[in-house]
Amino acid sequence: MIGFVLLLVVILTASGQENVITGEKKKTDAVKSEVKKTQSHNAGEVSREVKSSEITFEKMMTDGKVQACFGQFFDSGGPNGSYKENEDYTYTIESESEGAYLILRFVEFFLSEGDELTVYDGSSTDAKIIGTYSNSNKIPFEIKSSGNSLTFYFRSDATGNGSGWRASIACYEGSRKILKTDGMTPSARVVYVIDGIKDGNDVLVIEDILRANDYIQNVEFDKSSSLFTVYMTDESFKDLIVEQIKSSREITGHELSVRIKEIIPAKPTIY
């Protein structure tokens, strides 16, 4: 009987320890999420998780080279994951439009202590260093190339990892942004007035939701007037876009008021 009681105590103790460990892991995950959010506040943005299905043109850190003028650039963990320990990657992003330079805007950035991301102003690590960024030296919101490419070298140590980064990719010729519609069949433009946008991350969430549609060619936002111009293959989608913008409340956490200001029909193609 005594032996049975002792065995029961051992089983209960082990079970309690397992619950403590499980609870501690959940607590660690929650803290990591909060740190990620706090870091984005420091960068002038509010971080919110965006489902990978809502993001198009994803680029993730690895060894290699890519041509791009649109989309998102992430660490190796992608939009919802973290990078791993002992990573050593070199990745070059080159403008896919001849003569255009790159601008990457970092809306999330969190590295574990000891990990570093170095950015080079060119097509290799032989180019001029723009900066080396870490947990103690945060990356600026905007990184701009003087030529047509940027190279990123990332190194993580063996003592931990972080949630990484998220940046938008854009190309410019002078002050003109390269659009997805350049060189494509003319599209209808619908201008929306949106009230209730609180910060830049709200804009990114709306853009990600809209660009997930095959019939959307481009989305432009005018911060001074809170106007969204949406380029679509057919203006008949205009009311559906209103509902999709309103649906962003599931991610942003607050309501947006949306109305159509102007419809600019597509110009007929002349052969």
Protein backbone atom coordinates (compact mmCIF):
# COMPACT_ATOMS: atom_id res chain seq x y z
CA MET A 1 0.00 0.00 0.00
CA ILE A 2 2.83 2.41 0.90
CA GLY A 3 4.53 1.59 -2.38
CA PHE A 4 1.33 2.36 -4.29
CA VAL A 5 0.99 5.78 -2.58
CA LEU A 6 4.60 6.65 -3.36
CA LEU A 7 4.10 5.65 -7.00
CA LEU A 8 0.97 7.86 -7.19
CA VAL A 9 2.89 10.83 -5.74
CA VAL A 10 5.68 10.38 -8.32
CA ILE A 11 3.14 10.28 -11.20
CA LEU A 12 1.31 13.40 -9.96
CA THR A 13 4.59 15.26 -9.47
CA ALA A 14 5.79 14.42 -12.99
CA SER A 15 2.42 15.49 -14.41
CA GLY A 16 2.61 18.78 -12.56
CA GLN A 17 6.12 19.43 -13.86
CA GLU A 18 4.95 18.73 -17.41
CA ASN A 19 2.15 21.28 -17.02
CA VAL A 20 4.57 23.86 -15.70
CA ILE A 21 6.90 23.32 -18.65
CA THR A 22 4.02 23.51 -21.11
CA GLY A 23 2.72 26.66 -19.48
CA GLU A 24 6.19 28.22 -19.54
CA LYS A 25 6.52 27.54 -23.28
CA LYS A 26 3.22 29.28 -23.93
CA LYS A 27 4.34 32.20 -21.82
CA THR A 28 7.60 32.44 -23.80
CA ASP A 29 5.70 32.49 -27.09
CA ALA A 30 3.43 35.23 -25.81
CA VAL A 31 6.39 37.33 -24.68
CA LYS A 32 8.01 36.91 -28.09
CA SER A 33 4.86 38.13 -29.79
CA GLU A 34 4.71 41.14 -27.49
CA VAL A 35 8.39 41.98 -28.10
CA LYS A 36 7.73 41.89 -31.83
CA LYS A 37 4.82 44.28 -31.41
CA THR A 38 6.82 46.64 -29.20
CA GLN A 39 9.69 46.79 -31.69
CA SER A 40 7.29 47.77 -34.46
CA HIS A 41 5.97 50.57 -32.27
CA ASN A 42 9.53 51.88 -32.01
CA ALA A 43 9.75 51.92 -35.79
CA GLY A 44 6.60 54.03 -36.00
CA GLU A 45 4.35 51.13 -36.94
CA VAL A 46 1.95 48.76 -35.18
CA SER A 47 2.65 45.10 -35.82
CA ARG A 48 -0.22 42.74 -36.52
CA GLU A 49 -0.05 39.22 -37.83
CA VAL A 50 -1.01 38.93 -41.48
CA LYS A 51 -1.98 35.50 -42.79
CA SER A 52 0.38 34.17 -45.44
CA SER A 53 -2.57 33.58 -47.78
CA GLU A 54 -3.16 37.35 -47.83
CA ILE A 55 0.36 38.21 -48.96
CA THR A 56 1.56 37.97 -52.55
CA PHE A 57 5.06 38.07 -54.05
CA GLU A 58 6.81 36.76 -50.91
CA LYS A 59 10.62 36.76 -50.85
CA MET A 60 12.40 34.99 -48.00
CA MET A 61 16.01 35.20 -46.85
CA THR A 62 18.21 32.48 -48.29
CA ASP A 63 21.32 32.20 -50.48
CA GLY A 64 20.50 33.58 -53.90
CA LYS A 65 19.41 36.47 -56.08
CA VAL A 66 16.03 37.69 -57.30
CA GLN A 67 14.63 40.44 -59.49
CA ALA A 68 11.65 42.20 -57.95
CA CYS A 69 9.81 45.51 -57.82
CA PHE A 70 6.81 44.40 -55.75
CA GLY A 71 5.95 42.27 -52.75
CA GLN A 72 7.31 41.53 -49.30
CA PHE A 73 10.78 40.54 -48.08
CA PHE A 74 10.96 38.32 -44.97
CA ASP A 75 13.55 36.49 -42.91
CA SER A 76 13.77 32.75 -43.60
CA GLY A 77 10.80 32.06 -41.33
CA GLY A 78 8.38 33.86 -43.64
CA PRO A 79 5.43 36.01 -42.54
CA ASN A 80 4.50 34.02 -39.43
CA GLY A 81 7.66 32.11 -38.45
CA SER A 82 11.06 32.87 -36.96
CA TYR A 83 14.48 32.39 -38.51
CA LYS A 84 16.71 29.59 -37.15
CA GLU A 85 19.95 29.42 -35.23
CA ASN A 86 23.29 29.25 -37.11
CA GLU A 87 22.00 30.79 -40.34
CA ASP A 88 24.52 32.28 -42.79
CA TYR A 89 22.79 33.66 -45.91
CA THR A 90 23.54 36.19 -48.65
CA TYR A 91 20.58 37.42 -50.70
CA THR A 92 20.48 40.04 -53.45
CA ILE A 93 17.36 41.90 -54.59
CA GLU A 94 17.70 43.57 -57.99
CA SER A 95 15.23 45.93 -59.63
CA GLU A 96 13.40 44.15 -62.44
CA SER A 97 12.90 47.50 -64.19
CA GLU A 98 16.00 48.74 -66.00
CA GLY A 99 17.32 52.02 -64.61
CA ALA A 100 15.15 51.91 -61.47
CA TYR A 101 16.42 51.95 -57.89
CA LEU A 102 15.03 50.03 -54.90
CA ILE A 103 13.35 51.18 -51.70
CA LEU A 104 12.67 48.63 -48.95
CA ARG A 105 10.53 49.73 -46.01
CA PHE A 106 10.92 47.68 -42.83
CA VAL A 107 7.69 47.57 -40.83
CA GLU A 108 8.85 44.76 -38.51
CA PHE A 109 12.35 44.01 -37.26
CA PHE A 110 13.44 41.93 -34.26
CA LEU A 111 16.69 39.98 -34.01
CA SER A 112 17.96 37.98 -31.07
CA GLU A 113 21.04 39.29 -29.27
CA GLY A 114 24.16 38.40 -31.27
CA ASP A 115 22.42 38.12 -34.66
CA GLU A 116 23.09 40.67 -37.43
CA LEU A 117 21.74 41.78 -40.81
CA THR A 118 24.21 43.72 -43.00
CA VAL A 119 22.92 45.65 -46.03
CA TYR A 120 25.17 46.44 -49.03
CA ASP A 121 24.47 49.07 -51.68
CA GLY A 122 25.05 46.83 -54.69
CA SER A 123 24.91 43.36 -56.15
CA SER A 124 27.36 41.64 -53.76
CA THR A 125 29.05 41.89 -50.38
CA ASP A 126 31.92 43.72 -52.12
CA ALA A 127 29.68 46.79 -52.43
CA LYS A 128 29.57 49.69 -49.99
CA ILE A 129 27.99 48.82 -46.63
CA ILE A 130 24.83 50.78 -45.86
CA GLY A 131 24.73 49.45 -42.31
CA THR A 132 24.83 46.46 -39.96
CA TYR A 133 21.69 46.07 -37.88
CA SER A 134 20.96 44.07 -34.75
CA ASN A 135 18.93 43.96 -31.56
CA SER A 136 20.82 47.02 -30.27
CA ASN A 137 21.12 48.84 -33.62
CA LYS A 138 17.67 48.88 -35.19
CA ILE A 139 17.27 49.04 -38.95
CA PRO A 140 15.84 52.31 -40.33
CA PHE A 141 12.30 52.28 -41.69
CA GLU A 142 13.55 52.90 -45.24
CA ILE A 143 16.58 51.43 -47.06
CA LYS A 144 17.34 52.91 -50.50
CA SER A 145 19.79 51.74 -53.17
CA SER A 146 21.90 54.16 -55.20
CA GLY A 147 21.88 51.72 -58.12
CA ASN A 148 19.57 48.88 -59.08
CA SER A 149 20.29 46.37 -56.31
CA LEU A 150 20.68 45.71 -52.59
CA THR A 151 22.50 42.77 -51.01
CA PHE A 152 21.63 41.39 -47.58
CA TYR A 153 23.97 39.27 -45.46
CA PHE A 154 22.36 37.62 -42.42
CA ARG A 155 24.13 35.72 -39.68
CA SER A 156 22.55 34.15 -36.58
CA ASP A 157 24.43 32.47 -33.74
CA ALA A 158 23.65 29.27 -31.85
CA THR A 159 22.12 30.86 -28.73
CA GLY A 160 18.61 31.72 -29.89
CA ASN A 161 16.52 33.32 -32.61
CA GLY A 162 14.06 36.16 -33.16
CA SER A 163 10.90 36.81 -35.12
CA GLY A 164 12.96 38.47 -37.88
CA TRP A 165 11.68 41.11 -40.26
CA ARG A 166 9.10 42.14 -42.82
CA ALA A 167 9.78 44.74 -45.52
CA SER A 168 7.90 45.96 -48.58
CA ILE A 169 9.72 46.11 -51.93
CA ALA A 170 9.32 49.00 -54.38
CA CYS A 171 11.18 50.37 -57.41
CA TYR A 172 11.40 54.01 -58.48
CA GLU A 173 12.54 55.95 -61.52
CA GLY A 174 13.25 59.39 -60.11
CA SER A 175 10.20 60.18 -57.98
CA ARG A 176 7.90 57.88 -59.98
CA LYS A 177 7.06 54.52 -58.48
CA ILE A 178 7.09 51.55 -60.86
CA LEU A 179 3.57 50.10 -60.96
CA LYS A 180 2.36 46.58 -61.67
CA THR A 181 0.23 48.10 -64.41
CA ASP A 182 3.24 49.41 -66.38
CA GLY A 183 3.28 47.75 -69.81
CA MET A 184 0.03 45.92 -69.13
CA THR A 185 -3.43 46.15 -70.67
CA PRO A 186 -5.09 49.38 -69.45
CA SER A 187 -7.19 48.91 -66.33
CA ALA A 188 -10.09 50.68 -64.68
CA ARG A 189 -9.20 52.88 -61.71
CA VAL A 190 -11.53 53.26 -58.74
CA VAL A 191 -10.72 55.84 -56.06
CA TYR A 192 -11.91 55.06 -52.53
CA VAL A 193 -12.18 57.42 -49.55
CA ILE A 194 -11.32 55.53 -46.35
CA ASP A 195 -11.89 57.00 -42.88
CA GLY A 196 -10.48 55.35 -39.76
CA ILE A 197 -6.93 54.49 -40.85
CA LYS A 198 -4.77 54.78 -37.74
CA ASP A 199 -1.25 54.03 -38.96
CA GLY A 200 0.92 52.77 -41.80
CA ASN A 201 0.34 49.15 -40.92
CA ASP A 202 -3.40 49.56 -41.58
CA VAL A 203 -2.45 50.64 -45.10
CA LEU A 204 -0.22 47.58 -45.57
CA VAL A 205 -2.96 45.24 -44.34
CA ILE A 206 -5.47 46.69 -46.83
CA GLU A 207 -2.94 46.51 -49.67
CA ASP A 208 -2.13 42.87 -48.86
CA ILE A 209 -5.82 41.89 -48.81
CA LEU A 210 -6.58 43.60 -52.12
CA ARG A 211 -3.47 42.41 -53.96
CA ALA A 212 -4.36 38.80 -53.19
CA ASN A 213 -7.07 39.11 -55.89
CA ASP A 214 -6.18 38.12 -59.45
CA TYR A 215 -8.25 40.98 -60.86
CA ILE A 216 -6.31 43.66 -58.92
CA GLN A 217 -3.32 45.02 -60.85
CA ASN A 218 -2.12 47.64 -58.37
CA VAL A 219 -3.06 49.61 -55.26
CA GLU A 220 -1.88 53.15 -54.48
CA PHE A 221 -2.41 55.09 -51.24
CA ASP A 222 -2.28 58.88 -50.90
CA LYS A 223 -1.51 59.56 -47.23
CA SER A 224 -2.38 63.27 -47.41
CA SER A 225 -5.97 62.60 -48.52
CA SER A 226 -6.51 59.02 -47.23
CA LEU A 227 -7.41 57.98 -50.78
CA PHE A 228 -6.86 54.49 -52.18
CA THR A 229 -6.66 54.16 -55.95
CA VAL A 230 -7.29 50.57 -56.98
CA TYR A 231 -6.41 49.38 -60.51
CA MET A 232 -8.66 46.50 -61.55
CA THR A 233 -9.32 44.54 -64.73
CA ASP A 234 -13.03 45.40 -64.61
CA GLU A 235 -14.80 48.16 -62.68
CA SER A 236 -17.63 45.73 -61.85
CA PHE A 237 -15.48 44.57 -58.91
CA LYS A 238 -15.73 48.02 -57.28
CA ASP A 239 -18.37 47.09 -54.67
CA LEU A 240 -16.62 43.84 -53.78
CA ILE A 241 -13.49 45.90 -53.02
CA VAL A 242 -15.51 48.01 -50.56
CA GLU A 243 -16.46 44.87 -48.63
CA GLN A 244 -12.89 43.57 -48.67
CA ILE A 245 -11.55 46.84 -47.27
CA LYS A 246 -14.15 46.70 -44.50
CA SER A 247 -13.14 43.10 -43.75
CA SER A 248 -9.69 44.35 -42.70
CA ARG A 249 -11.21 44.99 -39.25
CA GLU A 250 -10.57 41.30 -38.51
CA ILE A 251 -6.83 42.09 -38.58
CA THR A 252 -6.67 45.78 -37.61
CA GLY A 253 -9.16 45.45 -34.78
CA HIS A 254 -11.20 48.53 -35.71
CA GLU A 255 -13.85 49.60 -38.22
CA LEU A 256 -13.17 51.55 -41.42
CA SER A 257 -15.62 53.71 -43.34
CA VAL A 258 -15.35 53.30 -47.13
CA ARG A 259 -16.99 55.07 -50.06
CA ILE A 260 -16.27 55.37 -53.77
CA LYS A 261 -15.09 58.85 -54.78
CA GLU A 262 -14.37 58.40 -58.48
CA ILE A 263 -14.41 55.78 -61.23
CA ILE A 264 -12.00 56.17 -64.15
CA PRO A 265 -12.89 53.64 -66.88
CA ALA A 266 -10.15 51.73 -68.69
CA LYS A 267 -9.10 53.28 -71.99
CA PRO A 268 -9.87 50.97 -74.92
CA THR A 269 -6.85 49.28 -76.45
CA ILE A 270 -6.15 50.58 -79.96
CA TYR A 271 -4.57 48.15 -82.45
